[in-house]
């Protein structure tokens, strides 16, 4: 009986170690957004309201956004291509999308100097999340693709010294 329990624990540990998806609460929220899984997003969102749950969450959004943008656009991409992408995002997400702000954020992620200092944090977060979801859709990413991107984003954030809350 004890041998079976040890084997089960080893297998469970192996599954956890091989899981390449997001482990942070914010990564799980972004995964739920991209994959249109509201129950997954909500489960992580509720945990974020616990003490320490939102610690270092914004850097995960920033890293995921930048990785997604760089996978969709090459450095030096013509502004018309970015504008066309943003126009399509606005059609999908509605008129509340600030087209110029989204274009500026994308261009900044590609290394261009743009003026975004006057954007409030809520707007930046919303636009970055909408961009991530749109890139996911345009590139027809699988669950594994979004998991890989989010795991990379979390690793980048940890490498910069942040400790985003895990769930």
N, C-alpha and C. Protein backbone atom coordinates (compact mmCIF):
# COMPACT_ATOMS: atom_id res chain seq x y z
N UNK A 1 0.82 -1.19 0.00
CA UNK A 1 0.00 0.00 0.00
C UNK A 1 0.87 1.26 0.00
N UNK A 2 1.93 1.27 0.81
CA UNK A 2 2.81 2.43 0.88
C UNK A 2 3.53 2.65 -0.43
N UNK A 3 3.88 1.57 -1.13
CA UNK A 3 4.57 1.68 -2.42
C UNK A 3 3.66 2.36 -3.44
N UNK A 4 2.38 1.99 -3.46
CA UNK A 4 1.43 2.61 -4.39
C UNK A 4 1.31 4.11 -4.12
N UNK A 5 1.25 4.48 -2.85
CA UNK A 5 1.13 5.90 -2.50
C UNK A 5 2.36 6.67 -2.96
N UNK A 6 3.55 6.08 -2.80
CA UNK A 6 4.78 6.74 -3.24
C UNK A 6 4.77 6.89 -4.76
N UNK A 7 4.36 5.85 -5.46
CA UNK A 7 4.30 5.93 -6.93
C UNK A 7 3.33 7.00 -7.38
N UNK A 8 2.17 7.05 -6.73
CA UNK A 8 1.18 8.08 -7.09
C UNK A 8 1.75 9.47 -6.87
N UNK A 9 2.44 9.67 -5.74
CA UNK A 9 3.03 10.99 -5.48
C UNK A 9 4.09 11.32 -6.51
N UNK A 10 4.91 10.36 -6.87
CA UNK A 10 5.93 10.61 -7.89
C UNK A 10 5.30 10.99 -9.22
N UNK A 11 4.27 10.25 -9.62
CA UNK A 11 3.61 10.58 -10.88
C UNK A 11 2.97 11.96 -10.83
N UNK A 12 2.33 12.27 -9.73
CA UNK A 12 1.71 13.59 -9.60
C UNK A 12 2.77 14.68 -9.66
N UNK A 13 3.91 14.44 -9.01
CA UNK A 13 5.01 15.41 -9.05
C UNK A 13 5.56 15.56 -10.45
N UNK A 14 5.66 14.46 -11.18
CA UNK A 14 6.17 14.51 -12.55
C UNK A 14 5.24 15.31 -13.44
N UNK A 15 3.94 15.15 -13.23
CA UNK A 15 2.99 15.91 -14.02
C UNK A 15 3.15 17.40 -13.74
N UNK A 16 3.29 17.77 -12.46
CA UNK A 16 3.46 19.17 -12.11
C UNK A 16 4.75 19.74 -12.70
N UNK A 17 5.82 18.97 -12.65
CA UNK A 17 7.10 19.46 -13.15
C UNK A 17 7.09 19.64 -14.67
N UNK A 18 6.32 18.82 -15.39
CA UNK A 18 6.31 18.90 -16.84
C UNK A 18 5.30 19.93 -17.35
N UNK A 19 4.44 20.42 -16.47
CA UNK A 19 3.44 21.40 -16.87
C UNK A 19 4.16 22.69 -17.27
N UNK A 20 3.88 23.14 -18.48
CA UNK A 20 4.59 24.32 -18.97
C UNK A 20 3.69 25.54 -19.03
N UNK A 21 2.50 25.44 -18.49
CA UNK A 21 1.60 26.57 -18.52
C UNK A 21 1.89 27.57 -17.43
N UNK A 22 1.07 28.61 -17.35
CA UNK A 22 1.28 29.64 -16.34
C UNK A 22 1.04 29.13 -14.93
N UNK A 23 1.89 29.56 -14.03
CA UNK A 23 1.72 29.20 -12.62
C UNK A 23 1.32 30.40 -11.77
N UNK A 24 1.52 31.61 -12.29
CA UNK A 24 1.13 32.79 -11.53
C UNK A 24 -0.36 33.04 -11.70
N UNK A 25 -0.93 33.73 -10.73
CA UNK A 25 -2.34 34.06 -10.82
C UNK A 25 -2.62 34.92 -12.05
N UNK A 26 -1.76 35.89 -12.32
CA UNK A 26 -1.98 36.73 -13.49
C UNK A 26 -1.82 35.92 -14.78
N UNK A 27 -0.85 35.03 -14.83
CA UNK A 27 -0.70 34.17 -15.99
C UNK A 27 -1.95 33.33 -16.23
N UNK A 28 -2.55 32.85 -15.16
CA UNK A 28 -3.77 32.05 -15.27
C UNK A 28 -4.95 32.91 -15.73
N UNK A 29 -4.99 34.15 -15.28
CA UNK A 29 -6.04 35.07 -15.74
C UNK A 29 -5.88 35.35 -17.23
N UNK A 30 -4.66 35.62 -17.65
CA UNK A 30 -4.40 35.89 -19.07
C UNK A 30 -4.72 34.67 -19.93
N UNK A 31 -4.41 33.49 -19.42
CA UNK A 31 -4.74 32.25 -20.13
C UNK A 31 -6.26 32.13 -20.30
N UNK A 32 -6.99 32.38 -19.22
CA UNK A 32 -8.45 32.33 -19.28
C UNK A 32 -9.03 33.33 -20.27
N UNK A 33 -8.43 34.52 -20.32
CA UNK A 33 -8.87 35.53 -21.29
C UNK A 33 -8.64 35.06 -22.72
N UNK A 34 -7.42 34.64 -23.00
CA UNK A 34 -7.05 34.27 -24.37
C UNK A 34 -7.84 33.06 -24.87
N UNK A 35 -8.08 32.11 -23.98
CA UNK A 35 -8.76 30.88 -24.38
C UNK A 35 -10.28 30.95 -24.19
N UNK A 36 -10.77 32.13 -23.77
CA UNK A 36 -12.20 32.34 -23.54
C UNK A 36 -12.74 31.31 -22.54
N UNK A 37 -12.03 31.22 -21.42
CA UNK A 37 -12.43 30.32 -20.34
C UNK A 37 -12.70 31.16 -19.10
N UNK A 38 -13.91 31.72 -19.02
CA UNK A 38 -14.21 32.63 -17.91
C UNK A 38 -14.09 31.98 -16.52
N UNK A 39 -14.40 30.70 -16.41
CA UNK A 39 -14.31 30.06 -15.09
C UNK A 39 -12.86 29.97 -14.63
N UNK A 40 -11.95 29.73 -15.54
CA UNK A 40 -10.52 29.68 -15.22
C UNK A 40 -10.02 31.08 -14.80
N UNK A 41 -10.42 32.06 -15.57
CA UNK A 41 -10.04 33.45 -15.28
C UNK A 41 -10.60 33.89 -13.93
N UNK A 42 -11.85 33.57 -13.69
CA UNK A 42 -12.51 34.00 -12.45
C UNK A 42 -11.90 33.33 -11.23
N UNK A 43 -11.55 32.06 -11.34
CA UNK A 43 -10.94 31.33 -10.22
C UNK A 43 -9.63 32.03 -9.80
N UNK A 44 -8.81 32.38 -10.77
CA UNK A 44 -7.54 33.06 -10.46
C UNK A 44 -7.79 34.49 -9.97
N UNK A 45 -8.79 35.15 -10.56
CA UNK A 45 -9.09 36.54 -10.17
C UNK A 45 -9.51 36.60 -8.70
N UNK A 46 -10.30 35.65 -8.27
CA UNK A 46 -10.74 35.62 -6.87
C UNK A 46 -9.55 35.41 -5.93
N UNK A 47 -8.60 34.58 -6.32
CA UNK A 47 -7.42 34.36 -5.50
C UNK A 47 -6.56 35.62 -5.41
N UNK A 48 -6.61 36.44 -6.45
CA UNK A 48 -5.82 37.67 -6.44
C UNK A 48 -6.31 38.64 -5.36
N UNK A 49 -7.55 38.49 -4.94
CA UNK A 49 -8.09 39.38 -3.90
C UNK A 49 -7.69 38.95 -2.50
N UNK A 50 -7.03 37.81 -2.39
CA UNK A 50 -6.51 37.36 -1.10
C UNK A 50 -5.24 38.14 -0.79
N UNK A 51 -4.83 38.22 0.47
CA UNK A 51 -3.60 38.96 0.82
C UNK A 51 -2.40 38.46 0.00
N UNK A 52 -1.71 39.39 -0.64
CA UNK A 52 -0.53 39.07 -1.45
C UNK A 52 -0.84 38.53 -2.83
N UNK A 53 -2.11 38.38 -3.15
CA UNK A 53 -2.51 37.78 -4.42
C UNK A 53 -2.19 38.59 -5.64
N UNK A 54 -2.12 39.90 -5.50
CA UNK A 54 -1.85 40.73 -6.68
C UNK A 54 -0.39 41.17 -6.77
N UNK A 55 0.44 40.65 -5.90
CA UNK A 55 1.85 41.05 -5.87
C UNK A 55 2.52 40.81 -7.22
N UNK A 56 3.17 41.83 -7.73
CA UNK A 56 3.95 41.75 -8.97
C UNK A 56 3.18 41.17 -10.14
N UNK A 57 1.89 41.48 -10.24
CA UNK A 57 1.09 40.94 -11.34
C UNK A 57 1.23 41.73 -12.64
N UNK A 58 1.39 43.04 -12.55
CA UNK A 58 1.48 43.87 -13.75
C UNK A 58 2.70 43.52 -14.61
N UNK A 59 3.86 43.21 -14.04
CA UNK A 59 4.98 42.82 -14.90
C UNK A 59 4.70 41.57 -15.74
N UNK A 60 3.82 40.69 -15.26
CA UNK A 60 3.45 39.51 -16.05
C UNK A 60 2.67 39.95 -17.29
N UNK A 61 1.76 40.90 -17.12
CA UNK A 61 1.00 41.44 -18.25
C UNK A 61 1.96 42.09 -19.24
N UNK A 62 2.88 42.91 -18.72
CA UNK A 62 3.83 43.60 -19.59
C UNK A 62 4.66 42.62 -20.41
N UNK A 63 5.19 41.59 -19.75
CA UNK A 63 6.04 40.62 -20.45
C UNK A 63 5.25 39.81 -21.47
N UNK A 64 4.04 39.38 -21.11
CA UNK A 64 3.21 38.60 -22.04
C UNK A 64 2.85 39.44 -23.25
N UNK A 65 2.51 40.70 -23.02
CA UNK A 65 2.19 41.62 -24.11
C UNK A 65 3.38 41.77 -25.06
N UNK A 66 4.55 42.04 -24.52
CA UNK A 66 5.72 42.24 -25.37
C UNK A 66 6.07 40.98 -26.17
N UNK A 67 5.99 39.82 -25.53
CA UNK A 67 6.28 38.58 -26.25
C UNK A 67 5.27 38.35 -27.37
N UNK A 68 3.99 38.60 -27.08
CA UNK A 68 2.95 38.41 -28.10
C UNK A 68 3.15 39.37 -29.27
N UNK A 69 3.43 40.63 -28.96
CA UNK A 69 3.64 41.62 -30.02
C UNK A 69 4.82 41.22 -30.90
N UNK A 70 5.89 40.77 -30.28
CA UNK A 70 7.08 40.40 -31.06
C UNK A 70 6.87 39.14 -31.89
N UNK A 71 5.93 38.31 -31.47
CA UNK A 71 5.61 37.13 -32.28
C UNK A 71 4.71 37.49 -33.45
N UNK A 72 3.94 38.54 -33.30
CA UNK A 72 3.04 38.97 -34.38
C UNK A 72 3.72 39.92 -35.36
N UNK A 73 4.57 40.81 -34.85
CA UNK A 73 5.19 41.84 -35.69
C UNK A 73 6.71 41.77 -35.59
N UNK A 74 7.35 41.96 -36.71
CA UNK A 74 8.81 42.04 -36.73
C UNK A 74 9.21 43.49 -36.42
N UNK A 75 10.41 43.69 -35.87
CA UNK A 75 10.88 45.06 -35.68
C UNK A 75 10.87 45.79 -37.03
N UNK A 76 10.46 47.05 -37.00
CA UNK A 76 10.42 47.83 -38.24
C UNK A 76 9.17 47.59 -39.07
N UNK A 77 8.18 46.90 -38.52
CA UNK A 77 6.93 46.66 -39.24
C UNK A 77 6.31 48.00 -39.63
N UNK A 78 5.81 48.05 -40.85
CA UNK A 78 5.17 49.26 -41.36
C UNK A 78 3.98 49.63 -40.47
N UNK A 79 3.86 50.90 -40.17
CA UNK A 79 2.79 51.40 -39.32
C UNK A 79 1.41 51.03 -39.87
N UNK A 80 1.28 50.94 -41.19
CA UNK A 80 -0.02 50.60 -41.78
C UNK A 80 -0.45 49.18 -41.39
N UNK A 81 0.52 48.28 -41.27
CA UNK A 81 0.20 46.91 -40.86
C UNK A 81 -0.27 46.88 -39.40
N UNK A 82 0.41 47.66 -38.57
CA UNK A 82 -0.01 47.75 -37.16
C UNK A 82 -1.38 48.40 -37.07
N UNK A 83 -1.61 49.47 -37.85
CA UNK A 83 -2.90 50.17 -37.84
C UNK A 83 -4.03 49.24 -38.31
N UNK A 84 -3.76 48.42 -39.29
CA UNK A 84 -4.76 47.47 -39.78
C UNK A 84 -5.11 46.43 -38.70
N UNK A 85 -4.09 45.93 -38.02
CA UNK A 85 -4.30 44.99 -36.93
C UNK A 85 -5.15 45.63 -35.83
N UNK A 86 -4.79 46.85 -35.44
CA UNK A 86 -5.53 47.55 -34.37
C UNK A 86 -6.97 47.82 -34.79
N UNK A 87 -7.17 48.17 -36.06
CA UNK A 87 -8.54 48.40 -36.55
C UNK A 87 -9.37 47.12 -36.43
N UNK A 88 -8.76 45.98 -36.74
CA UNK A 88 -9.45 44.70 -36.60
C UNK A 88 -9.75 44.40 -35.13
N UNK A 89 -8.82 44.74 -34.25
CA UNK A 89 -9.05 44.55 -32.81
C UNK A 89 -10.24 45.38 -32.37
N UNK A 90 -10.31 46.60 -32.85
CA UNK A 90 -11.41 47.48 -32.47
C UNK A 90 -12.75 46.93 -32.95
N UNK A 91 -12.77 46.35 -34.14
CA UNK A 91 -14.00 45.73 -34.63
C UNK A 91 -14.42 44.60 -33.70
N UNK A 92 -13.46 43.80 -33.26
CA UNK A 92 -13.76 42.68 -32.39
C UNK A 92 -14.10 43.05 -30.97
N UNK A 93 -13.44 44.08 -30.44
CA UNK A 93 -13.60 44.44 -29.03
C UNK A 93 -14.50 45.65 -28.81
N UNK A 94 -14.81 46.37 -29.87
CA UNK A 94 -15.72 47.49 -29.75
C UNK A 94 -15.03 48.84 -29.74
N UNK A 95 -15.83 49.89 -29.81
CA UNK A 95 -15.31 51.25 -29.97
C UNK A 95 -14.58 51.81 -28.75
N UNK A 96 -14.58 51.09 -27.64
CA UNK A 96 -13.86 51.61 -26.47
C UNK A 96 -12.35 51.45 -26.62
N UNK A 97 -11.91 50.68 -27.61
CA UNK A 97 -10.47 50.51 -27.85
C UNK A 97 -9.90 51.83 -28.37
N UNK A 98 -8.92 52.35 -27.67
CA UNK A 98 -8.22 53.57 -28.08
C UNK A 98 -7.17 53.16 -29.12
N UNK A 99 -7.50 53.39 -30.38
CA UNK A 99 -6.67 52.95 -31.49
C UNK A 99 -5.26 53.53 -31.42
N UNK A 100 -5.16 54.82 -31.22
CA UNK A 100 -3.84 55.45 -31.19
C UNK A 100 -2.99 54.96 -30.02
N UNK A 101 -3.63 54.77 -28.88
CA UNK A 101 -2.89 54.28 -27.71
C UNK A 101 -2.41 52.85 -27.94
N UNK A 102 -3.27 52.00 -28.52
CA UNK A 102 -2.86 50.62 -28.77
C UNK A 102 -1.72 50.59 -29.78
N UNK A 103 -1.81 51.39 -30.83
CA UNK A 103 -0.72 51.45 -31.81
C UNK A 103 0.58 51.89 -31.13
N UNK A 104 0.50 52.89 -30.27
CA UNK A 104 1.70 53.39 -29.58
C UNK A 104 2.30 52.32 -28.69
N UNK A 105 1.46 51.57 -27.97
CA UNK A 105 1.97 50.50 -27.10
C UNK A 105 2.66 49.40 -27.92
N UNK A 106 2.06 49.04 -29.04
CA UNK A 106 2.65 48.02 -29.90
C UNK A 106 3.98 48.50 -30.45
N UNK A 107 4.00 49.72 -30.94
CA UNK A 107 5.24 50.26 -31.50
C UNK A 107 6.33 50.37 -30.43
N UNK A 108 5.95 50.74 -29.20
CA UNK A 108 6.91 50.80 -28.09
C UNK A 108 7.48 49.41 -27.82
N UNK A 109 6.63 48.38 -27.85
CA UNK A 109 7.09 47.00 -27.62
C UNK A 109 8.06 46.54 -28.70
N UNK A 110 7.95 47.16 -29.87
CA UNK A 110 8.85 46.82 -30.98
C UNK A 110 10.13 47.66 -30.97
N UNK A 111 10.27 48.49 -29.94
CA UNK A 111 11.50 49.25 -29.78
C UNK A 111 11.45 50.68 -30.26
N UNK A 112 10.32 51.12 -30.73
CA UNK A 112 10.19 52.49 -31.22
C UNK A 112 9.87 53.43 -30.06
N UNK A 113 10.39 54.63 -30.11
CA UNK A 113 10.06 55.62 -29.09
C UNK A 113 8.69 56.20 -29.40
N UNK A 114 7.76 56.02 -28.48
CA UNK A 114 6.41 56.56 -28.64
C UNK A 114 6.00 57.24 -27.34
N UNK A 115 5.04 58.11 -27.44
CA UNK A 115 4.55 58.83 -26.27
C UNK A 115 3.36 58.09 -25.67
N UNK A 116 3.58 57.49 -24.50
CA UNK A 116 2.50 56.78 -23.82
C UNK A 116 2.38 57.22 -22.35
N UNK A 117 3.13 58.22 -21.97
CA UNK A 117 3.17 58.64 -20.57
C UNK A 117 1.83 59.16 -20.06
N UNK A 118 0.97 59.65 -20.95
CA UNK A 118 -0.29 60.21 -20.50
C UNK A 118 -1.40 59.16 -20.37
N UNK A 119 -1.08 57.89 -20.66
CA UNK A 119 -2.08 56.83 -20.53
C UNK A 119 -2.16 56.37 -19.08
N UNK A 120 -3.37 56.22 -18.57
CA UNK A 120 -3.51 55.74 -17.20
C UNK A 120 -3.29 54.23 -17.17
N UNK A 121 -2.94 53.73 -16.00
CA UNK A 121 -2.56 52.32 -15.83
C UNK A 121 -3.69 51.38 -16.25
N UNK A 122 -4.92 51.70 -15.93
CA UNK A 122 -6.06 50.84 -16.28
C UNK A 122 -6.18 50.70 -17.79
N UNK A 123 -6.04 51.79 -18.52
CA UNK A 123 -6.11 51.76 -19.97
C UNK A 123 -4.99 50.92 -20.56
N UNK A 124 -3.79 51.10 -20.05
CA UNK A 124 -2.64 50.34 -20.55
C UNK A 124 -2.86 48.85 -20.34
N UNK A 125 -3.32 48.47 -19.16
CA UNK A 125 -3.56 47.06 -18.87
C UNK A 125 -4.64 46.50 -19.80
N UNK A 126 -5.73 47.22 -19.96
CA UNK A 126 -6.82 46.76 -20.83
C UNK A 126 -6.34 46.60 -22.27
N UNK A 127 -5.58 47.56 -22.77
CA UNK A 127 -5.09 47.48 -24.14
C UNK A 127 -4.08 46.35 -24.33
N UNK A 128 -3.23 46.15 -23.34
CA UNK A 128 -2.26 45.05 -23.44
C UNK A 128 -2.96 43.70 -23.42
N UNK A 129 -3.97 43.56 -22.58
CA UNK A 129 -4.72 42.30 -22.53
C UNK A 129 -5.48 42.07 -23.83
N UNK A 130 -6.12 43.11 -24.36
CA UNK A 130 -6.84 42.98 -25.63
C UNK A 130 -5.89 42.61 -26.76
N UNK A 131 -4.70 43.19 -26.75
CA UNK A 131 -3.70 42.87 -27.78
C UNK A 131 -3.28 41.42 -27.67
N UNK A 132 -3.02 40.95 -26.46
CA UNK A 132 -2.63 39.55 -26.26
C UNK A 132 -3.70 38.61 -26.81
N UNK A 133 -4.95 38.87 -26.48
CA UNK A 133 -6.06 38.03 -26.96
C UNK A 133 -6.14 38.08 -28.49
N UNK A 134 -6.01 39.26 -29.05
CA UNK A 134 -6.10 39.42 -30.50
C UNK A 134 -4.95 38.70 -31.22
N UNK A 135 -3.74 38.80 -30.70
CA UNK A 135 -2.61 38.09 -31.30
C UNK A 135 -2.85 36.59 -31.22
N UNK A 136 -3.34 36.13 -30.09
CA UNK A 136 -3.70 34.71 -29.93
C UNK A 136 -4.66 34.28 -31.04
N UNK A 137 -5.68 35.10 -31.29
CA UNK A 137 -6.68 34.76 -32.31
C UNK A 137 -6.11 34.82 -33.72
N UNK A 138 -5.38 35.89 -34.02
CA UNK A 138 -4.84 36.07 -35.37
C UNK A 138 -3.86 34.96 -35.74
N UNK A 139 -3.03 34.57 -34.79
CA UNK A 139 -2.03 33.54 -35.07
C UNK A 139 -2.56 32.13 -34.83
N UNK A 140 -3.83 32.04 -34.45
CA UNK A 140 -4.48 30.73 -34.22
C UNK A 140 -3.67 29.85 -33.29
N UNK A 141 -3.29 30.41 -32.16
CA UNK A 141 -2.49 29.66 -31.20
C UNK A 141 -3.30 28.54 -30.57
N UNK A 142 -2.62 27.48 -30.27
CA UNK A 142 -3.21 26.37 -29.52
C UNK A 142 -3.10 26.69 -28.03
N UNK A 143 -3.71 25.83 -27.21
CA UNK A 143 -3.56 25.98 -25.77
C UNK A 143 -2.09 25.92 -25.39
N UNK A 144 -1.35 25.01 -26.02
CA UNK A 144 0.08 24.86 -25.71
C UNK A 144 0.86 26.11 -26.09
N UNK A 145 0.48 26.77 -27.17
CA UNK A 145 1.17 27.99 -27.60
C UNK A 145 1.00 29.11 -26.57
N UNK A 146 -0.22 29.31 -26.10
CA UNK A 146 -0.44 30.38 -25.11
C UNK A 146 0.21 30.00 -23.79
N UNK A 147 0.17 28.70 -23.43
CA UNK A 147 0.85 28.26 -22.21
C UNK A 147 2.34 28.55 -22.27
N UNK A 148 2.95 28.28 -23.43
CA UNK A 148 4.38 28.51 -23.59
C UNK A 148 4.70 30.00 -23.48
N UNK A 149 3.92 30.83 -24.14
CA UNK A 149 4.16 32.27 -24.08
C UNK A 149 4.05 32.77 -22.64
N UNK A 150 3.02 32.34 -21.92
CA UNK A 150 2.82 32.81 -20.56
C UNK A 150 3.89 32.28 -19.62
N UNK A 151 4.33 31.05 -19.82
CA UNK A 151 5.42 30.51 -19.00
C UNK A 151 6.71 31.31 -19.26
N UNK A 152 6.95 31.68 -20.51
CA UNK A 152 8.12 32.51 -20.83
C UNK A 152 8.01 33.88 -20.18
N UNK A 153 6.82 34.46 -20.22
CA UNK A 153 6.61 35.77 -19.59
C UNK A 153 6.87 35.70 -18.10
N UNK A 154 6.38 34.67 -17.45
CA UNK A 154 6.60 34.51 -16.01
C UNK A 154 8.09 34.34 -15.70
N UNK A 155 8.79 33.58 -16.54
CA UNK A 155 10.23 33.38 -16.32
C UNK A 155 10.98 34.70 -16.48
N UNK A 156 10.60 35.51 -17.46
CA UNK A 156 11.24 36.81 -17.65
C UNK A 156 11.02 37.71 -16.43
N UNK A 157 9.81 37.68 -15.91
CA UNK A 157 9.47 38.51 -14.75
C UNK A 157 10.28 38.07 -13.53
N UNK A 158 10.36 36.77 -13.31
CA UNK A 158 11.15 36.27 -12.18
C UNK A 158 12.63 36.60 -12.37
N UNK A 159 13.12 36.53 -13.59
CA UNK A 159 14.53 36.85 -13.86
C UNK A 159 14.85 38.31 -13.57
N UNK A 160 13.83 39.18 -13.63
CA UNK A 160 14.01 40.60 -13.31
C UNK A 160 13.88 40.87 -11.81
N UNK A 161 13.65 39.81 -11.03
CA UNK A 161 13.58 39.97 -9.59
C UNK A 161 12.20 40.14 -9.00
N UNK A 162 11.17 40.03 -9.82
CA UNK A 162 9.80 40.11 -9.32
C UNK A 162 9.37 38.74 -8.81
N UNK A 163 8.37 38.74 -7.94
CA UNK A 163 7.83 37.49 -7.40
C UNK A 163 6.32 37.50 -7.52
N UNK A 164 5.79 37.28 -8.72
CA UNK A 164 4.34 37.30 -8.88
C UNK A 164 3.68 36.17 -8.10
N UNK A 165 2.50 36.46 -7.58
CA UNK A 165 1.76 35.48 -6.78
C UNK A 165 1.40 34.27 -7.63
N UNK A 166 1.58 33.10 -7.04
CA UNK A 166 1.23 31.85 -7.74
C UNK A 166 -0.05 31.29 -7.14
N UNK A 167 -0.71 30.46 -7.94
CA UNK A 167 -1.98 29.94 -7.46
C UNK A 167 -2.19 28.50 -7.77
